[in-house]
Amino acid sequence: MLQRTAADALAQTFAILSPRLNPRRVHFASRAITSLVYTALVALVAMAFLRQGILVWSVGVAYILYDTALLIFTAIEIWPLRHGTRVQVTDAPQPSLAVIVAARNEAAVLDVTIDRLAHQDGAPDLILIADDGSDDATAATLARYGLEQPEVGAISGPARDLPSLRWLRLPHGGKARALNAAILHVDEEIVITVDADTLLEPGAIAAMRAAFAAEPELVAATGVIRPMCGPSLSGRLFEWFQTYEYVRNFLSRHAWEQLNGLLLVSGAFAAFRTKAVVEVGGFDPDCLVEDYELIHRLHRFAHDSGRDWRVRVIGGALASTDAPATLPAFLRQRRRWFGGFLQTQHWNRDMVGNGRFGKLGTAMLPVKAADTVQPIFGLAAFVILLVVLFSGRFHIVLPILIIMGVKIAIDLTFHLASLSLYSRWTGQTKGLRLGPALAAALLEPFSFQLFRHWGAILGWKAFLTGRETWARQSRTAIAEVKREG
């Protein structure tokens, strides 16, 4: 079944690259190539298991070497953070700024999100709720602010109790369409997208304003986000692992920023120059990860038009987001994320290795191309290790364990150093205690990391079959924030 799916995907790729080819020949060639690849893989695995040495776990060695190389790169690029970050000071006027909250059936959390925005240091000039066809109590929630319900497709006047707040009521069409419709009502220079389940820290908006005022070339930026998963046991476990995962991920984004190769912003809290988003055509409704895809187009447009546009992560712009608190919810999220990542990587494959796009083309995108198969290598390494253990070939186990021990030591060193650097960069220390961090680093390779890889495998299936859509996550953490006042 998987072989047929891969062959069909390969046939579609040939059809796109060479539309004049005979479809029957394309189909036959795709089947033949896929069969050869599968035969070669089976032969390699068989040869590996016939060997009595470390070659049996060569896939694990490759996975470890690749992951370690990325850690070393990140460590080199983030090491200057040990001195902290320079506060951006400029005499330039602060840009006007709007926040769009695209929301569908988020009545339970929408008021908390709005209140956090309204009480920001240097609050937004406009808070626009892009109501994506909600059929819950959203209207009642917004009525508390003195907003009168507009007709579908229309925008309300300012709220009586909060003049910066307005309500754009839309037919249901998905997040990207809601954002595109809302941005047409934005006259401000900077537009920030905030998810309804994301709560900004008091200085987040001010940090974004300062960053865009200090750097005219800055076209897009992401805030630094911390996960919150609610009070249940599974929620506390997932928050524990995801907290340290997010720390590493945002430090990695800072590293790639140094090469002008940052591609990944967080749609939960991202800022853009409004004119630039409109100029490149807005958010793509056909993409599962519209924020990630938009950054590719911004980079492409900048290089094609000779503009020195920059994408950054702003260490002082902090937020917390309601993250998955159960394994099924986590796998659904990662399935969509990885499926959208593969989708975007495929659409922009001409940029991979292309020197015309600078380090983005020659460094970042080749790494992303390798990342498409990293989960496969990771799970394969774990399965082969189990097979070796249960087959009783203990003379092979010792060198494997030595390699894994060295890798864990490297990870621990990076993990502990990253906590200090992250705290200096963001000023954030919540949930970053040394003991839990050590425990997470030791346990993650045998638990949470496998869940991440499995979610990515499901993303591969979603990408190849085209059967992936947005799924609403249950809100387990913001409800607790509301109860705490």
Protein backbone atom coordinates (compact mmCIF):
# COMPACT_ATOMS: atom_id res chain seq x y z
CA MET A 1 0.00 0.00 0.00
CA LEU A 2 2.78 2.44 0.99
CA GLN A 3 4.72 1.52 -2.15
CA ARG A 4 1.68 2.26 -4.36
CA THR A 5 1.16 5.59 -2.55
CA ALA A 6 4.81 6.56 -3.07
CA ALA A 7 4.62 5.60 -6.73
CA ASP A 8 1.48 7.69 -7.23
CA ALA A 9 3.14 10.67 -5.52
CA LEU A 10 6.21 10.25 -7.74
CA ALA A 11 3.98 10.12 -10.82
CA GLN A 12 2.30 13.38 -9.76
CA THR A 13 5.71 14.99 -9.32
CA PHE A 14 6.82 13.89 -12.81
CA ALA A 15 3.57 15.22 -14.22
CA ILE A 16 4.21 18.61 -12.65
CA LEU A 17 7.85 18.79 -13.72
CA SER A 18 7.28 17.41 -17.23
CA PRO A 19 3.65 17.90 -18.26
CA ARG A 20 4.32 16.78 -21.84
CA LEU A 21 5.30 13.25 -20.88
CA ASN A 22 2.92 10.43 -21.75
CA PRO A 23 0.87 9.70 -18.59
CA ARG A 24 1.13 5.94 -19.07
CA ARG A 25 4.90 6.12 -19.40
CA VAL A 26 5.07 8.38 -16.34
CA HIS A 27 3.00 5.91 -14.35
CA PHE A 28 5.12 2.95 -15.50
CA ALA A 29 8.39 4.79 -14.78
CA SER A 30 7.16 5.83 -11.34
CA ARG A 31 6.23 2.24 -10.47
CA ALA A 32 9.59 0.98 -11.73
CA ILE A 33 11.63 3.59 -9.85
CA THR A 34 9.67 3.08 -6.64
CA SER A 35 10.09 -0.69 -6.89
CA LEU A 36 13.83 -0.28 -7.38
CA VAL A 37 14.09 2.05 -4.38
CA TYR A 38 12.15 -0.34 -2.15
CA THR A 39 14.24 -3.29 -3.37
CA ALA A 40 17.42 -1.35 -2.64
CA LEU A 41 16.22 -0.42 0.85
CA VAL A 42 15.30 -4.03 1.65
CA ALA A 43 18.68 -5.18 0.33
CA LEU A 44 20.53 -2.62 2.47
CA VAL A 45 18.61 -3.62 5.59
CA ALA A 46 19.26 -7.30 4.89
CA MET A 47 22.98 -6.62 4.35
CA ALA A 48 23.12 -4.62 7.54
CA PHE A 49 21.57 -7.42 9.58
CA LEU A 50 23.89 -10.00 8.03
CA ARG A 51 26.81 -7.97 9.31
CA GLN A 52 27.86 -8.45 12.90
CA GLY A 53 29.22 -4.96 13.51
CA ILE A 54 27.94 -1.48 14.12
CA LEU A 55 26.75 -1.25 10.49
CA VAL A 56 23.55 -2.89 11.68
CA TRP A 57 22.72 0.44 13.35
CA SER A 58 24.12 2.71 10.63
CA VAL A 59 20.77 4.49 10.31
CA GLY A 60 21.05 5.44 13.98
CA VAL A 61 24.59 6.72 13.52
CA ALA A 62 23.47 8.87 10.58
CA TYR A 63 20.59 10.27 12.61
CA ILE A 64 22.84 11.12 15.57
CA LEU A 65 25.54 12.74 13.40
CA TYR A 66 22.99 14.93 11.62
CA ASP A 67 21.27 16.02 14.82
CA THR A 68 24.61 16.73 16.52
CA ALA A 69 25.78 18.85 13.58
CA LEU A 70 22.66 21.01 13.90
CA LEU A 71 23.23 21.36 17.66
CA ILE A 72 26.81 22.52 17.07
CA PHE A 73 25.68 25.08 14.49
CA THR A 74 22.98 26.40 16.83
CA ALA A 75 25.40 26.57 19.78
CA ILE A 76 27.91 28.62 17.77
CA GLU A 77 25.29 31.09 16.57
CA ILE A 78 23.56 31.60 19.93
CA TRP A 79 26.72 31.80 22.05
CA PRO A 80 26.81 35.65 21.88
CA LEU A 81 23.55 35.61 23.87
CA ARG A 82 25.63 34.96 26.99
CA HIS A 83 26.13 38.74 27.09
CA GLY A 84 22.36 39.32 26.94
CA THR A 85 20.68 41.26 24.15
CA ARG A 86 21.05 44.90 23.37
CA VAL A 87 17.86 46.87 23.89
CA GLN A 88 16.91 48.54 20.64
CA VAL A 89 16.74 52.29 21.07
CA THR A 90 15.76 54.55 18.20
CA ASP A 91 14.61 58.09 17.65
CA ALA A 92 12.37 56.91 14.81
CA PRO A 93 8.64 57.31 15.45
CA GLN A 94 6.85 54.21 16.68
CA PRO A 95 4.83 52.60 13.88
CA SER A 96 1.06 52.25 14.07
CA LEU A 97 0.05 48.69 14.85
CA ALA A 98 -3.01 46.49 14.48
CA VAL A 99 -3.73 43.05 15.89
CA ILE A 100 -5.91 40.53 14.05
CA VAL A 101 -7.40 37.66 16.04
CA ALA A 102 -8.80 35.07 13.63
CA ALA A 103 -11.26 33.06 15.68
CA ARG A 104 -13.90 30.40 15.12
CA ASN A 105 -16.01 29.27 18.08
CA GLU A 106 -13.55 30.64 20.64
CA ALA A 107 -16.10 32.29 22.94
CA ALA A 108 -14.69 30.48 25.97
CA VAL A 109 -11.28 32.17 25.69
CA LEU A 110 -11.80 35.23 23.51
CA ASP A 111 -12.40 37.67 26.36
CA VAL A 112 -9.14 36.73 28.10
CA THR A 113 -7.20 37.25 24.85
CA ILE A 114 -8.85 40.64 24.21
CA ASP A 115 -8.22 41.82 27.78
CA ARG A 116 -4.53 40.90 27.52
CA LEU A 117 -4.25 42.89 24.29
CA ALA A 118 -6.11 45.88 25.67
CA HIS A 119 -3.82 46.11 28.72
CA GLN A 120 -0.55 45.91 26.81
CA ASP A 121 2.19 48.50 27.27
CA GLY A 122 1.63 50.62 24.16
CA ALA A 123 -1.64 48.87 23.37
CA PRO A 124 -2.59 48.19 19.71
CA ASP A 125 -4.24 50.97 17.70
CA LEU A 126 -6.68 48.36 16.39
CA ILE A 127 -7.80 45.00 17.74
CA LEU A 128 -9.78 43.32 14.97
CA ILE A 129 -11.66 40.10 15.69
CA ALA A 130 -11.93 38.19 12.40
CA ASP A 131 -14.89 36.00 13.28
CA ASP A 132 -14.64 32.98 10.97
CA GLY A 133 -18.29 31.95 10.94
CA SER A 134 -18.61 31.24 14.66
CA ASP A 135 -21.84 29.59 15.78
CA ASP A 136 -21.14 29.53 19.53
CA ALA A 137 -21.47 32.33 22.09
CA THR A 138 -18.93 34.60 20.36
CA ALA A 139 -21.59 37.28 19.77
CA ALA A 140 -22.46 37.36 23.48
CA THR A 141 -18.79 37.56 24.44
CA LEU A 142 -18.15 40.52 22.13
CA ALA A 143 -21.36 42.21 23.23
CA ARG A 144 -19.83 42.59 26.70
CA TYR A 145 -17.44 45.15 25.21
CA GLY A 146 -20.28 47.13 23.70
CA LEU A 147 -19.91 45.79 20.16
CA GLU A 148 -23.01 45.59 17.99
CA GLN A 149 -23.20 42.53 15.77
CA PRO A 150 -22.58 43.41 12.09
CA GLU A 151 -24.01 41.62 9.08
CA VAL A 152 -22.01 38.71 7.66
CA GLY A 153 -19.22 40.19 5.54
CA ALA A 154 -19.36 43.56 7.33
CA ILE A 155 -17.26 45.18 10.05
CA SER A 156 -18.65 46.76 13.20
CA GLY A 157 -17.97 50.21 14.51
CA PRO A 158 -15.64 50.71 17.50
CA ALA A 159 -16.64 49.04 20.75
CA ARG A 160 -18.28 51.34 23.27
CA ASP A 161 -16.07 50.20 26.15
CA LEU A 162 -12.87 49.61 24.12
CA PRO A 163 -12.64 51.95 21.07
CA SER A 164 -9.73 50.05 19.51
CA LEU A 165 -11.84 46.85 19.30
CA ARG A 166 -13.85 45.99 16.20
CA TRP A 167 -15.64 42.90 14.91
CA LEU A 168 -15.39 41.59 11.34
CA ARG A 169 -18.04 38.93 10.81
CA LEU A 170 -17.24 36.45 8.03
CA PRO A 171 -18.64 33.26 6.54
CA HIS A 172 -16.61 30.24 7.56
CA GLY A 173 -13.63 29.85 5.23
CA GLY A 174 -10.64 28.99 7.39
CA LYS A 175 -7.94 30.99 9.14
CA ALA A 176 -6.06 32.16 6.04
CA ARG A 177 -9.19 33.55 4.37
CA ALA A 178 -10.21 35.25 7.61
CA LEU A 179 -6.79 36.91 7.90
CA ASN A 180 -6.87 38.01 4.24
CA ALA A 181 -10.32 39.54 4.67
CA ALA A 182 -9.28 41.30 7.88
CA ILE A 183 -6.06 42.76 6.55
CA LEU A 184 -8.05 44.72 3.96
CA HIS A 185 -9.46 46.72 6.89
CA VAL A 186 -6.03 47.46 8.35
CA ASP A 187 -4.48 50.87 7.69
CA GLU A 188 -1.76 50.49 10.32
CA GLU A 189 1.88 49.98 9.29
CA ILE A 190 2.36 46.78 11.28
CA VAL A 191 -0.13 43.93 11.57
CA ILE A 192 0.17 41.24 14.22
CA THR A 193 -1.64 37.92 14.05
CA VAL A 194 -2.56 36.43 17.43
CA ASP A 195 -4.44 33.18 17.94
CA ALA A 196 -7.44 33.28 20.25
CA ASP A 197 -5.70 30.78 22.55
CA THR A 198 -2.54 32.87 22.90
CA LEU A 199 -1.95 35.31 25.75
CA LEU A 200 0.65 38.07 25.34
CA GLU A 201 2.88 39.23 28.16
CA PRO A 202 2.47 42.95 29.03
CA GLY A 203 5.52 44.19 27.09
CA ALA A 204 5.08 42.04 23.97
CA ILE A 205 3.45 44.67 21.73
CA ALA A 206 5.94 47.35 22.81
CA ALA A 207 8.84 45.02 21.95
CA MET A 208 7.41 44.41 18.49
CA ARG A 209 6.87 48.13 17.86
CA ALA A 210 10.44 48.89 18.92
CA ALA A 211 11.89 46.17 16.69
CA PHE A 212 10.08 47.39 13.57
CA ALA A 213 10.88 51.05 14.36
CA ALA A 214 14.60 50.26 14.76
CA GLU A 215 14.95 48.25 11.54
CA PRO A 216 13.17 49.46 8.41
CA GLU A 217 14.21 46.26 6.61
CA LEU A 218 12.36 44.10 9.11
CA VAL A 219 9.39 42.65 7.25
CA ALA A 220 8.28 39.81 9.53
CA ALA A 221 8.96 38.76 13.10
CA THR A 222 7.86 36.12 15.54
CA GLY A 223 7.45 36.44 19.25
CA VAL A 224 8.84 33.87 21.68
CA ILE A 225 6.13 31.51 22.86
CA ARG A 226 5.81 29.29 25.91
CA PRO A 227 3.37 26.34 25.94
CA MET A 228 0.71 25.91 28.63
CA CYS A 229 -1.26 22.68 28.85
CA GLY A 230 -3.58 22.82 31.82
CA PRO A 231 -3.68 21.16 35.26
CA SER A 232 -4.30 17.49 34.37
CA LEU A 233 -1.53 14.91 34.78
CA SER A 234 -1.11 14.46 31.02
CA GLY A 235 -1.22 18.24 30.63
CA ARG A 236 1.60 18.72 33.14
CA LEU A 237 3.69 16.03 31.39
CA PHE A 238 3.18 17.49 27.93
CA GLU A 239 3.86 21.02 29.19
CA TRP A 240 7.07 19.75 30.81
CA PHE A 241 8.44 18.27 27.59
CA GLN A 242 7.11 20.97 25.28
CA THR A 243 8.55 23.78 27.39
CA TYR A 244 12.10 22.61 26.75
CA GLU A 245 11.29 21.76 23.13
CA TYR A 246 10.09 25.34 22.60
CA VAL A 247 13.24 26.74 24.25
CA ARG A 248 15.46 24.85 21.80
CA ASN A 249 13.25 25.69 18.84
CA PHE A 250 13.28 29.45 19.44
CA LEU A 251 17.03 29.45 20.05
CA SER A 252 17.40 27.59 16.76
CA ARG A 253 15.33 30.29 15.05
CA HIS A 254 17.63 32.92 16.52
CA ALA A 255 20.60 30.99 15.10
CA TRP A 256 19.16 30.88 11.57
CA GLU A 257 18.22 34.54 11.83
CA GLN A 258 21.95 35.34 11.92
CA LEU A 259 22.27 33.98 8.36
CA ASN A 260 19.09 35.72 7.17
CA GLY A 261 17.71 32.21 6.82
CA LEU A 262 14.80 32.26 9.25
CA LEU A 263 11.70 30.65 7.74
CA LEU A 264 9.62 29.62 10.72
CA VAL A 265 7.54 32.21 12.52
CA SER A 266 4.69 31.30 14.85
CA GLY A 267 1.27 32.18 13.50
CA ALA A 268 0.05 32.23 17.09
CA PHE A 269 2.04 35.48 17.56
CA ALA A 270 3.66 36.95 14.46
CA ALA A 271 4.12 40.50 13.14
CA PHE A 272 4.37 41.74 9.55
CA ARG A 273 4.66 44.98 7.62
CA THR A 274 1.13 45.28 6.30
CA LYS A 275 2.08 46.52 2.83
CA ALA A 276 4.51 43.63 2.34
CA VAL A 277 1.87 41.00 3.13
CA VAL A 278 -0.55 42.63 0.69
CA GLU A 279 2.18 42.97 -1.93
CA VAL A 280 2.99 39.25 -1.97
CA GLY A 281 -0.68 38.21 -2.04
CA GLY A 282 -1.56 37.55 1.60
CA PHE A 283 -1.96 34.17 3.27
CA ASP A 284 -2.48 31.03 1.17
CA PRO A 285 -5.79 29.27 2.04
CA ASP A 286 -4.56 26.05 0.41
CA CYS A 287 -1.64 25.65 2.81
CA LEU A 288 -1.93 23.87 6.16
CA VAL A 289 0.71 26.17 7.66
CA GLU A 290 -0.11 29.55 6.14
CA ASP A 291 2.37 31.49 8.29
CA TYR A 292 5.32 29.28 7.28
CA GLU A 293 4.39 29.40 3.60
CA LEU A 294 4.06 33.21 3.67
CA ILE A 295 7.65 33.60 4.90
CA HIS A 296 8.88 31.62 1.89
CA ARG A 297 7.06 34.04 -0.42
CA LEU A 298 8.39 37.07 1.41
CA HIS A 299 11.95 35.76 1.04
CA ARG A 300 11.37 34.89 -2.62
CA PHE A 301 9.86 38.30 -3.37
CA ALA A 302 12.72 40.08 -1.58
CA HIS A 303 15.37 38.29 -3.62
CA ASP A 304 13.48 38.68 -6.91
CA SER A 305 12.93 42.41 -6.36
CA GLY A 306 16.33 43.16 -4.84
CA ARG A 307 14.99 44.19 -1.44
CA ASP A 308 16.89 43.65 1.78
CA TRP A 309 13.96 42.28 3.77
CA ARG A 310 14.67 40.61 7.10
CA VAL A 311 12.82 38.08 9.25
CA ARG A 312 13.59 37.93 12.97
CA VAL A 313 12.58 36.43 16.29
CA ILE A 314 12.10 39.10 18.97
CA GLY A 315 13.37 37.90 22.35
CA GLY A 316 11.45 40.52 24.32
CA ALA A 317 8.06 39.74 22.74
CA LEU A 318 6.76 36.95 24.96
CA ALA A 319 3.50 35.01 24.91
CA SER A 320 1.94 31.79 26.17
CA THR A 321 -0.17 29.53 23.99
CA ASP A 322 -2.61 26.76 24.81
CA ALA A 323 -0.73 23.64 23.65
CA PRO A 324 -1.93 20.01 23.29
CA ALA A 325 -2.36 18.30 26.65
CA THR A 326 -3.03 14.71 25.48
CA LEU A 327 -1.28 12.35 23.10
CA PRO A 328 -4.09 12.27 20.48
CA ALA A 329 -4.27 16.09 20.43
CA PHE A 330 -0.48 16.31 20.19
CA LEU A 331 -0.33 13.85 17.28
CA ARG A 332 -3.08 15.75 15.43
CA GLN A 333 -1.17 19.01 15.81
CA ARG A 334 2.15 17.54 14.69
CA ARG A 335 0.49 15.71 11.80
CA ARG A 336 -0.85 19.00 10.46
CA TRP A 337 2.39 20.88 11.13
CA PHE A 338 4.57 18.29 9.37
CA GLY A 339 2.12 17.75 6.53
CA GLY A 340 2.07 21.51 5.94
CA PHE A 341 5.86 21.62 6.18
CA LEU A 342 6.16 18.94 3.45
CA GLN A 343 3.57 20.77 1.36
CA THR A 344 5.50 24.04 1.56
CA GLN A 345 8.85 22.34 0.99
CA HIS A 346 7.47 20.75 -2.17
CA TRP A 347 6.04 24.02 -3.47
CA ASN A 348 9.39 25.78 -2.97
CA ARG A 349 11.72 22.98 -4.05
CA ASP A 350 13.33 25.23 -6.68
CA MET A 351 14.84 27.31 -3.84
CA VAL A 352 16.70 24.34 -2.30
CA GLY A 353 20.43 24.66 -2.95
CA ASN A 354 19.82 27.76 -5.08
CA GLY A 355 22.63 30.28 -4.47
CA ARG A 356 20.42 33.10 -5.75
CA PHE A 357 18.67 33.00 -2.38
CA GLY A 358 21.87 33.34 -0.35
CA LYS A 359 22.30 31.27 2.82
CA LEU A 360 18.57 30.62 2.80
CA GLY A 361 18.97 28.62 -0.40
CA THR A 362 22.37 27.04 0.25
CA ALA A 363 22.10 26.31 3.98
CA MET A 364 18.63 26.57 5.52
CA LEU A 365 16.56 24.94 2.79
CA PRO A 366 18.93 21.96 2.31
CA VAL A 367 18.64 21.37 6.05
CA LYS A 368 14.86 21.53 5.73
CA ALA A 369 15.05 19.04 2.85
CA ALA A 370 16.98 16.67 5.14
CA ASP A 371 14.43 17.28 7.90
CA THR A 372 11.74 15.74 5.72
CA VAL A 373 13.25 12.28 6.34
CA GLN A 374 14.74 12.86 9.81
CA PRO A 375 11.69 11.38 11.63
CA ILE A 376 11.92 8.25 9.47
CA PHE A 377 15.58 7.84 10.41
CA GLY A 378 14.81 8.48 14.07
CA LEU A 379 12.05 5.88 14.32
CA ALA A 380 14.01 3.38 12.22
CA ALA A 381 17.02 3.75 14.55
CA PHE A 382 14.84 3.05 17.59
CA VAL A 383 13.17 0.00 15.99
CA ILE A 384 16.50 -1.47 14.87
CA LEU A 385 17.89 -0.96 18.38
CA LEU A 386 14.96 -2.92 19.84
CA VAL A 387 15.45 -5.70 17.26
CA VAL A 388 19.14 -5.96 18.13
CA LEU A 389 18.37 -6.09 21.85
CA PHE A 390 15.71 -8.77 21.53
CA SER A 391 17.79 -10.82 19.09
CA GLY A 392 20.44 -11.29 21.77
CA ARG A 393 23.28 -9.77 19.75
CA PHE A 394 24.73 -8.08 22.81
CA HIS A 395 28.23 -7.66 21.32
CA ILE A 396 26.66 -5.01 19.04
CA VAL A 397 24.67 -3.38 21.82
CA LEU A 398 27.73 -2.05 23.70
CA PRO A 399 29.10 0.19 20.90
CA ILE A 400 25.56 1.40 20.20
CA LEU A 401 25.07 2.30 23.86
CA ILE A 402 28.43 4.10 23.90
CA ILE A 403 27.38 6.19 20.89
CA MET A 404 24.01 6.93 22.48
CA GLY A 405 25.71 7.83 25.77
CA VAL A 406 28.00 10.32 24.05
CA LYS A 407 24.99 11.79 22.23
CA ILE A 408 23.02 12.16 25.47
CA ALA A 409 26.02 13.87 27.09
CA ILE A 410 26.21 16.34 24.19
CA ASP A 411 22.47 16.95 24.38
CA LEU A 412 22.62 17.52 28.14
CA THR A 413 25.45 20.01 27.78
CA PHE A 414 23.60 21.94 25.09
CA HIS A 415 20.34 21.67 27.00
CA LEU A 416 21.73 23.19 30.18
CA ALA A 417 23.65 25.92 28.35
CA SER A 418 20.57 26.77 26.32
CA LEU A 419 18.50 27.41 29.45
CA SER A 420 20.95 30.08 30.61
CA LEU A 421 21.20 31.67 27.17
CA TYR A 422 17.43 31.63 26.73
CA SER A 423 16.89 33.33 30.09
CA ARG A 424 19.42 36.06 29.25
CA TRP A 425 17.82 36.56 25.84
CA THR A 426 14.17 36.67 26.87
CA GLY A 427 14.30 37.45 30.60
CA GLN A 428 12.01 34.46 31.10
CA THR A 429 12.74 31.89 33.83
CA LYS A 430 9.30 30.37 34.49
CA GLY A 431 9.32 26.59 34.27
CA LEU A 432 13.05 26.37 33.54
CA ARG A 433 14.36 24.75 36.73
CA LEU A 434 17.55 22.72 36.49
CA GLY A 435 16.27 19.40 37.93
CA PRO A 436 13.23 19.03 35.67
CA ALA A 437 15.34 20.16 32.70
CA LEU A 438 17.87 17.37 33.32
CA ALA A 439 15.12 14.78 33.71
CA ALA A 440 13.42 15.93 30.49
CA ALA A 441 16.69 15.76 28.55
CA LEU A 442 17.35 12.20 29.74
CA LEU A 443 13.84 10.88 29.12
CA GLU A 444 12.97 12.72 25.92
CA PRO A 445 14.88 10.46 23.43
CA PHE A 446 12.89 7.45 24.61
CA SER A 447 9.46 9.05 24.93
CA PHE A 448 8.51 12.53 23.73
CA GLN A 449 10.90 12.45 20.78
CA LEU A 450 9.27 9.25 19.53
CA PHE A 451 5.85 10.91 19.74
CA ARG A 452 7.18 13.82 17.67
CA HIS A 453 8.53 11.44 15.06
CA TRP A 454 5.27 9.49 14.96
CA GLY A 455 3.32 12.70 14.43
CA ALA A 456 5.65 13.52 11.54
CA ILE A 457 5.07 10.09 9.98
CA LEU A 458 1.34 10.82 10.14
CA GLY A 459 2.17 14.13 8.45
CA TRP A 460 3.83 12.22 5.62
CA LYS A 461 0.65 10.19 5.20
CA ALA A 462 -1.46 13.36 5.21
CA PHE A 463 0.81 14.97 2.61
CA LEU A 464 0.83 11.97 0.27
CA THR A 465 -2.92 11.38 0.49
CA GLY A 466 -4.00 15.02 0.70
CA ARG A 467 -6.35 14.13 3.55
CA GLU A 468 -5.55 16.73 6.15
CA THR A 469 -7.64 19.60 7.40
CA TRP A 470 -7.68 21.97 10.33
CA ALA A 471 -8.93 20.36 13.53
CA ARG A 472 -9.97 22.43 16.52
CA GLN A 473 -7.94 21.80 19.66
CA SER A 474 -9.64 21.71 23.05
CA ARG A 475 -8.59 24.59 25.33
CA THR A 476 -7.32 23.13 28.58
CA ALA A 477 -5.05 25.89 29.91
CA ILE A 478 -6.74 29.24 29.27
CA ALA A 479 -9.82 28.10 31.19
CA GLU A 480 -7.53 27.68 34.18
CA VAL A 481 -6.14 31.19 33.62
CA LYS A 482 -9.71 32.54 33.67
CA ARG A 483 -10.48 30.77 36.93
CA GLU A 484 -7.35 32.20 38.51
CA GLY A 485 -8.47 35.69 37.44
